[in-house]
Amino acid sequence: MRIALKVCGFAGALLVSFAAALYSAPAGASVVINGTRVIFPSNEREVSVRLTNEGASPGLVQMWIDKGDPKSTPSTTEVPFLLTPPLFRIDPAKGQTVRMIYSQEPLPQDRESIFWLNLLEVPPRPQNVDANDSNYVQMAFRTRIKVFFRPQALNTQELVAAAPAKVTWKIVKDGDGYALEAKNPTPYYISIIKTGLITAGDAPEVTPKFLNEDGGMLAPGAQERYPLKSLKQAPSTGLKVRFSYLNDYGGAVDVDSSFVQ
């Protein structure tokens, strides 16, 4: 997830001071994280995150981790991880490796824990803009991706791949319409992309009916509803749920599941 914001506060001030002497052609966000999520096995002391500058200008970057607060800053967040380096310049077409080090603070061993990795990038000031121009607004670009801390006993591909199919589904009344209610009995976070209904026996390429593309994250042991806004009456028998989720590599995977009574 990437958003643009004005440079302000601790993180912005630090990056602006770091960038003050740099000038370039106008630029937008160009530094990208190689991957859409980070899996941190509990038996590892550290993992590496790779970044690449795909733009034509240097990128000035600050990184930190939070527990899910999108308003967090490096000075307010408290997590059991250290990033090194947390602040750096990355030149065009170059890469940077950031080490994520686990402090060994105890975390649950019977389920995954989730954190968020933040990347704040301030593009250099364009050459044709005066440093004292009060009308110029410096923009920063912030990217956030999920970090899944996974206990060692749960970190096998067989268990991870089997988890989404264990989610149970039922159709429930939801206001004036109906919704799919999902319950996750597994110790894994499951990132749902979309849900819908199919007729039993439909081919994999068939688009589900009453599609909900809002998605969302289904936490271990949690229950969530996905409204089927176009469904106004109880569906007939012979239907199944088809939902898509993101796997460890950020790829979309479809799963067909029967309803529970």
Protein backbone atom coordinates (compact mmCIF):
# COMPACT_ATOMS: atom_id res chain seq x y z
CA MET A 1 0.00 0.00 0.00
CA ARG A 2 1.50 3.37 -1.04
CA ILE A 3 0.23 6.86 -0.18
CA ALA A 4 1.52 10.40 -0.70
CA LEU A 5 1.67 12.85 2.20
CA LYS A 6 3.16 16.19 3.14
CA VAL A 7 6.48 16.06 4.92
CA CYS A 8 5.95 16.86 8.59
CA GLY A 9 6.78 15.61 12.08
CA PHE A 10 9.82 13.66 13.19
CA ALA A 11 10.19 11.41 10.18
CA GLY A 12 9.59 14.21 7.70
CA ALA A 13 11.96 16.63 9.40
CA LEU A 14 14.70 14.05 9.53
CA LEU A 15 14.34 13.14 5.88
CA VAL A 16 14.09 16.74 4.72
CA SER A 17 17.30 17.65 6.53
CA PHE A 18 18.91 14.60 4.97
CA ALA A 19 17.71 15.66 1.50
CA ALA A 20 18.20 19.42 1.73
CA ALA A 21 21.38 19.59 -0.33
CA LEU A 22 20.14 17.32 -3.14
CA TYR A 23 18.51 18.58 -6.33
CA SER A 24 17.17 16.71 -9.34
CA ALA A 25 14.50 16.64 -12.00
CA PRO A 26 10.92 16.35 -10.66
CA ALA A 27 10.24 12.85 -9.37
CA GLY A 28 7.60 10.75 -7.69
CA ALA A 29 7.94 7.63 -5.60
CA SER A 30 10.56 5.35 -7.12
CA VAL A 31 11.94 3.15 -4.33
CA VAL A 32 10.15 -0.20 -4.13
CA ILE A 33 10.34 -3.13 -1.73
CA ASN A 34 11.07 -6.42 -3.45
CA GLY A 35 8.03 -8.37 -2.28
CA THR A 36 4.55 -7.67 -0.93
CA ARG A 37 5.06 -9.22 2.52
CA VAL A 38 7.80 -10.40 4.87
CA ILE A 39 7.72 -13.81 6.57
CA PHE A 40 9.86 -13.83 9.74
CA PRO A 41 10.42 -17.38 11.11
CA SER A 42 10.71 -17.32 14.91
CA ASN A 43 13.89 -19.41 14.87
CA GLU A 44 15.73 -16.78 12.80
CA ARG A 45 17.55 -13.88 14.44
CA GLU A 46 17.18 -11.68 11.38
CA VAL A 47 15.82 -11.52 7.84
CA SER A 48 16.80 -9.25 4.97
CA VAL A 49 14.54 -6.94 3.00
CA ARG A 50 15.71 -5.83 -0.44
CA LEU A 51 14.83 -2.45 -1.96
CA THR A 52 15.42 -1.09 -5.45
CA ASN A 53 15.34 2.46 -6.81
CA GLU A 54 13.54 2.19 -10.15
CA GLY A 55 13.55 5.95 -10.75
CA ALA A 56 15.97 8.38 -12.37
CA SER A 57 16.74 10.32 -9.17
CA PRO A 58 18.26 9.44 -5.80
CA GLY A 59 15.80 8.31 -3.14
CA LEU A 60 15.99 9.39 0.50
CA VAL A 61 14.42 6.67 2.63
CA GLN A 62 13.47 6.09 6.26
CA MET A 63 12.05 2.78 7.50
CA TRP A 64 10.37 1.54 10.67
CA ILE A 65 7.99 -1.16 11.91
CA ASP A 66 4.66 -0.73 13.72
CA LYS A 67 1.94 -2.93 15.21
CA GLY A 68 -0.82 -1.76 12.87
CA ASP A 69 -1.17 1.97 13.53
CA PRO A 70 -1.01 3.78 10.15
CA LYS A 71 -0.24 7.03 12.03
CA SER A 72 2.87 5.59 13.65
CA THR A 73 6.28 7.25 13.37
CA PRO A 74 9.76 5.96 14.21
CA SER A 75 9.58 7.84 17.51
CA THR A 76 6.22 6.45 18.65
CA THR A 77 6.32 2.80 17.66
CA GLU A 78 7.41 0.03 20.04
CA VAL A 79 8.14 -3.33 18.44
CA PRO A 80 10.56 -6.22 19.08
CA PHE A 81 12.51 -5.51 15.90
CA LEU A 82 15.43 -3.32 14.88
CA LEU A 83 16.03 -2.16 11.31
CA THR A 84 19.52 -1.41 10.09
CA PRO A 85 20.11 0.92 8.38
CA PRO A 86 16.89 2.79 9.24
CA LEU A 87 17.80 5.85 7.16
CA PHE A 88 19.70 5.91 3.87
CA ARG A 89 20.10 7.27 0.35
CA ILE A 90 19.60 4.96 -2.60
CA ASP A 91 20.85 5.99 -6.04
CA PRO A 92 19.03 5.37 -9.34
CA ALA A 93 19.06 1.75 -10.54
CA LYS A 94 20.76 0.69 -7.29
CA GLY A 95 19.62 -1.57 -4.48
CA GLN A 96 19.76 -1.53 -0.71
CA THR A 97 19.48 -4.38 1.77
CA VAL A 98 17.88 -3.63 5.14
CA ARG A 99 18.33 -6.10 8.00
CA MET A 100 15.33 -6.76 10.24
CA ILE A 101 16.63 -8.02 13.58
CA TYR A 102 14.44 -9.73 16.18
CA SER A 103 15.09 -8.64 19.78
CA GLN A 104 13.97 -12.05 21.14
CA GLU A 105 11.11 -10.46 23.09
CA PRO A 106 8.58 -13.28 23.68
CA LEU A 107 5.78 -13.48 21.11
CA PRO A 108 2.95 -16.05 20.88
CA GLN A 109 4.12 -19.46 19.72
CA ASP A 110 0.67 -20.91 19.00
CA ARG A 111 -0.25 -18.45 16.23
CA GLU A 112 1.23 -15.87 13.89
CA SER A 113 1.78 -12.26 14.98
CA ILE A 114 1.48 -9.38 12.53
CA PHE A 115 3.45 -6.16 12.18
CA TRP A 116 3.80 -3.55 9.43
CA LEU A 117 6.97 -2.45 7.65
CA ASN A 118 6.97 1.24 6.66
CA LEU A 119 9.03 2.89 3.94
CA LEU A 120 8.97 6.70 3.78
CA GLU A 121 10.57 8.23 0.69
CA VAL A 122 11.15 11.92 0.01
CA PRO A 123 12.12 12.66 -3.61
CA PRO A 124 14.84 15.31 -4.01
CA ARG A 125 13.76 18.93 -4.51
CA PRO A 126 13.54 19.85 -8.24
CA GLN A 127 16.38 22.06 -9.53
CA ASN A 128 14.02 24.85 -10.56
CA VAL A 129 12.54 25.27 -7.06
CA ASP A 130 14.07 27.81 -4.68
CA ALA A 131 14.87 26.35 -1.27
CA ASN A 132 13.14 29.37 0.32
CA ASP A 133 9.98 29.13 -1.80
CA SER A 134 7.12 29.00 0.73
CA ASN A 135 4.66 27.91 -1.99
CA TYR A 136 6.54 24.68 -2.66
CA VAL A 137 5.11 21.65 -0.82
CA GLN A 138 7.51 18.77 -0.31
CA MET A 139 5.71 15.44 -0.68
CA ALA A 140 6.72 12.13 0.84
CA PHE A 141 5.60 8.69 -0.33
CA ARG A 142 4.89 6.03 2.25
CA THR A 143 4.63 2.31 1.57
CA ARG A 144 3.43 -0.24 4.14
CA ILE A 145 3.64 -4.02 3.83
CA LYS A 146 2.77 -6.79 6.27
CA VAL A 147 5.33 -8.64 8.37
CA PHE A 148 4.18 -12.08 9.58
CA PHE A 149 6.11 -13.40 12.57
CA ARG A 150 5.67 -17.16 12.26
CA PRO A 151 6.45 -19.62 15.09
CA GLN A 152 8.88 -22.35 14.07
CA ALA A 153 6.37 -25.16 14.61
CA LEU A 154 3.97 -23.52 12.16
CA ASN A 155 6.55 -22.71 9.50
CA THR A 156 6.08 -25.58 7.08
CA GLN A 157 4.74 -25.07 3.58
CA GLU A 158 2.32 -27.98 3.96
CA LEU A 159 0.60 -26.39 6.99
CA VAL A 160 0.63 -22.89 5.50
CA ALA A 161 -0.81 -24.02 2.15
CA ALA A 162 -3.54 -26.09 3.82
CA ALA A 163 -4.80 -23.31 6.12
CA PRO A 164 -7.10 -21.35 3.74
CA ALA A 165 -9.14 -24.43 2.86
CA LYS A 166 -9.92 -24.88 6.58
CA VAL A 167 -11.82 -21.58 6.76
CA THR A 168 -15.52 -22.32 7.29
CA TRP A 169 -18.25 -20.35 5.51
CA LYS A 170 -21.97 -19.80 5.86
CA ILE A 171 -24.54 -17.40 4.41
CA VAL A 172 -26.12 -15.10 6.99
CA LYS A 173 -28.69 -12.32 6.87
CA ASP A 174 -26.98 -8.94 6.84
CA GLY A 175 -29.27 -5.90 6.98
CA ASP A 176 -31.45 -5.91 3.87
CA GLY A 177 -29.28 -8.47 2.16
CA TYR A 178 -26.94 -11.37 2.82
CA ALA A 179 -23.28 -11.86 3.61
CA LEU A 180 -20.71 -14.62 3.65
CA GLU A 181 -19.51 -15.22 7.20
CA ALA A 182 -16.04 -16.72 7.46
CA LYS A 183 -14.42 -18.26 10.52
CA ASN A 184 -10.70 -18.94 10.63
CA PRO A 185 -9.87 -21.89 12.92
CA THR A 186 -6.19 -21.83 11.98
CA PRO A 187 -3.19 -20.09 13.61
CA TYR A 188 -2.43 -18.19 10.38
CA TYR A 189 -3.45 -14.79 9.05
CA ILE A 190 -5.29 -15.22 5.76
CA SER A 191 -5.37 -12.26 3.38
CA ILE A 192 -8.68 -12.48 1.53
CA ILE A 193 -8.84 -10.67 -1.84
CA LYS A 194 -12.41 -11.42 -2.92
CA THR A 195 -15.31 -13.77 -2.24
CA GLY A 196 -18.35 -14.94 -4.17
CA LEU A 197 -20.67 -17.83 -4.96
CA ILE A 198 -20.37 -20.50 -7.63
CA THR A 199 -22.45 -23.49 -8.65
CA ALA A 200 -20.96 -26.80 -7.57
CA GLY A 201 -18.90 -28.14 -10.45
CA ASP A 202 -18.11 -24.74 -12.03
CA ALA A 203 -14.77 -24.62 -13.82
CA PRO A 204 -11.88 -22.64 -12.26
CA GLU A 205 -12.23 -19.86 -14.85
CA VAL A 206 -15.87 -19.16 -13.98
CA THR A 207 -16.35 -15.76 -12.33
CA PRO A 208 -18.23 -16.09 -9.02
CA LYS A 209 -21.71 -14.59 -8.68
CA PHE A 210 -22.48 -11.82 -6.15
CA LEU A 211 -18.81 -10.93 -6.01
CA ASN A 212 -17.37 -9.04 -3.03
CA GLU A 213 -13.99 -7.54 -3.91
CA ASP A 214 -13.42 -5.62 -0.69
CA GLY A 215 -11.43 -8.44 0.87
CA GLY A 216 -9.59 -8.02 4.13
CA MET A 217 -7.41 -9.90 6.56
CA LEU A 218 -8.82 -12.84 8.51
CA ALA A 219 -6.91 -13.18 11.78
CA PRO A 220 -6.26 -16.47 13.60
CA GLY A 221 -9.45 -17.57 15.36
CA ALA A 222 -11.36 -14.58 14.00
CA GLN A 223 -14.74 -14.30 12.29
CA GLU A 224 -15.52 -11.78 9.54
CA ARG A 225 -18.43 -10.94 7.25
CA TYR A 226 -18.20 -10.20 3.53
CA PRO A 227 -21.47 -8.60 2.31
CA LEU A 228 -22.94 -9.85 -0.96
CA LYS A 229 -24.62 -6.56 -1.79
CA SER A 230 -26.41 -7.77 -4.90
CA LEU A 231 -27.89 -10.84 -3.18
CA LYS A 232 -31.38 -9.93 -1.91
CA GLN A 233 -32.89 -13.34 -1.30
CA ALA A 234 -31.69 -16.59 0.20
CA PRO A 235 -29.63 -18.44 -2.43
CA SER A 236 -30.67 -21.81 -3.75
CA THR A 237 -28.96 -25.03 -2.77
CA GLY A 238 -26.07 -26.39 -4.78
CA LEU A 239 -23.86 -23.32 -4.32
CA LYS A 240 -20.33 -23.13 -2.98
CA VAL A 241 -17.98 -20.34 -1.94
CA ARG A 242 -15.08 -19.37 -4.18
CA PHE A 243 -12.58 -17.03 -2.58
CA SER A 244 -9.14 -15.74 -3.45
CA TYR A 245 -6.30 -15.16 -1.01
CA LEU A 246 -2.66 -14.03 -1.17
CA ASN A 247 -0.01 -16.66 -0.46
CA ASP A 248 3.44 -16.11 1.10
CA TYR A 249 4.79 -14.92 -2.25
CA GLY A 250 2.02 -12.40 -2.91
CA GLY A 251 0.35 -14.59 -5.52
CA ALA A 252 -3.43 -14.93 -5.76
CA VAL A 253 -4.82 -18.42 -5.13
CA ASP A 254 -8.47 -19.52 -5.59
CA VAL A 255 -10.16 -21.92 -3.17
CA ASP A 256 -13.63 -23.52 -3.47
CA SER A 257 -15.34 -24.34 -0.20
CA SER A 258 -18.67 -25.83 0.86
CA PHE A 259 -20.99 -24.13 3.33
CA VAL A 260 -21.39 -25.23 6.93
CA GLN A 261 -24.87 -25.51 8.41
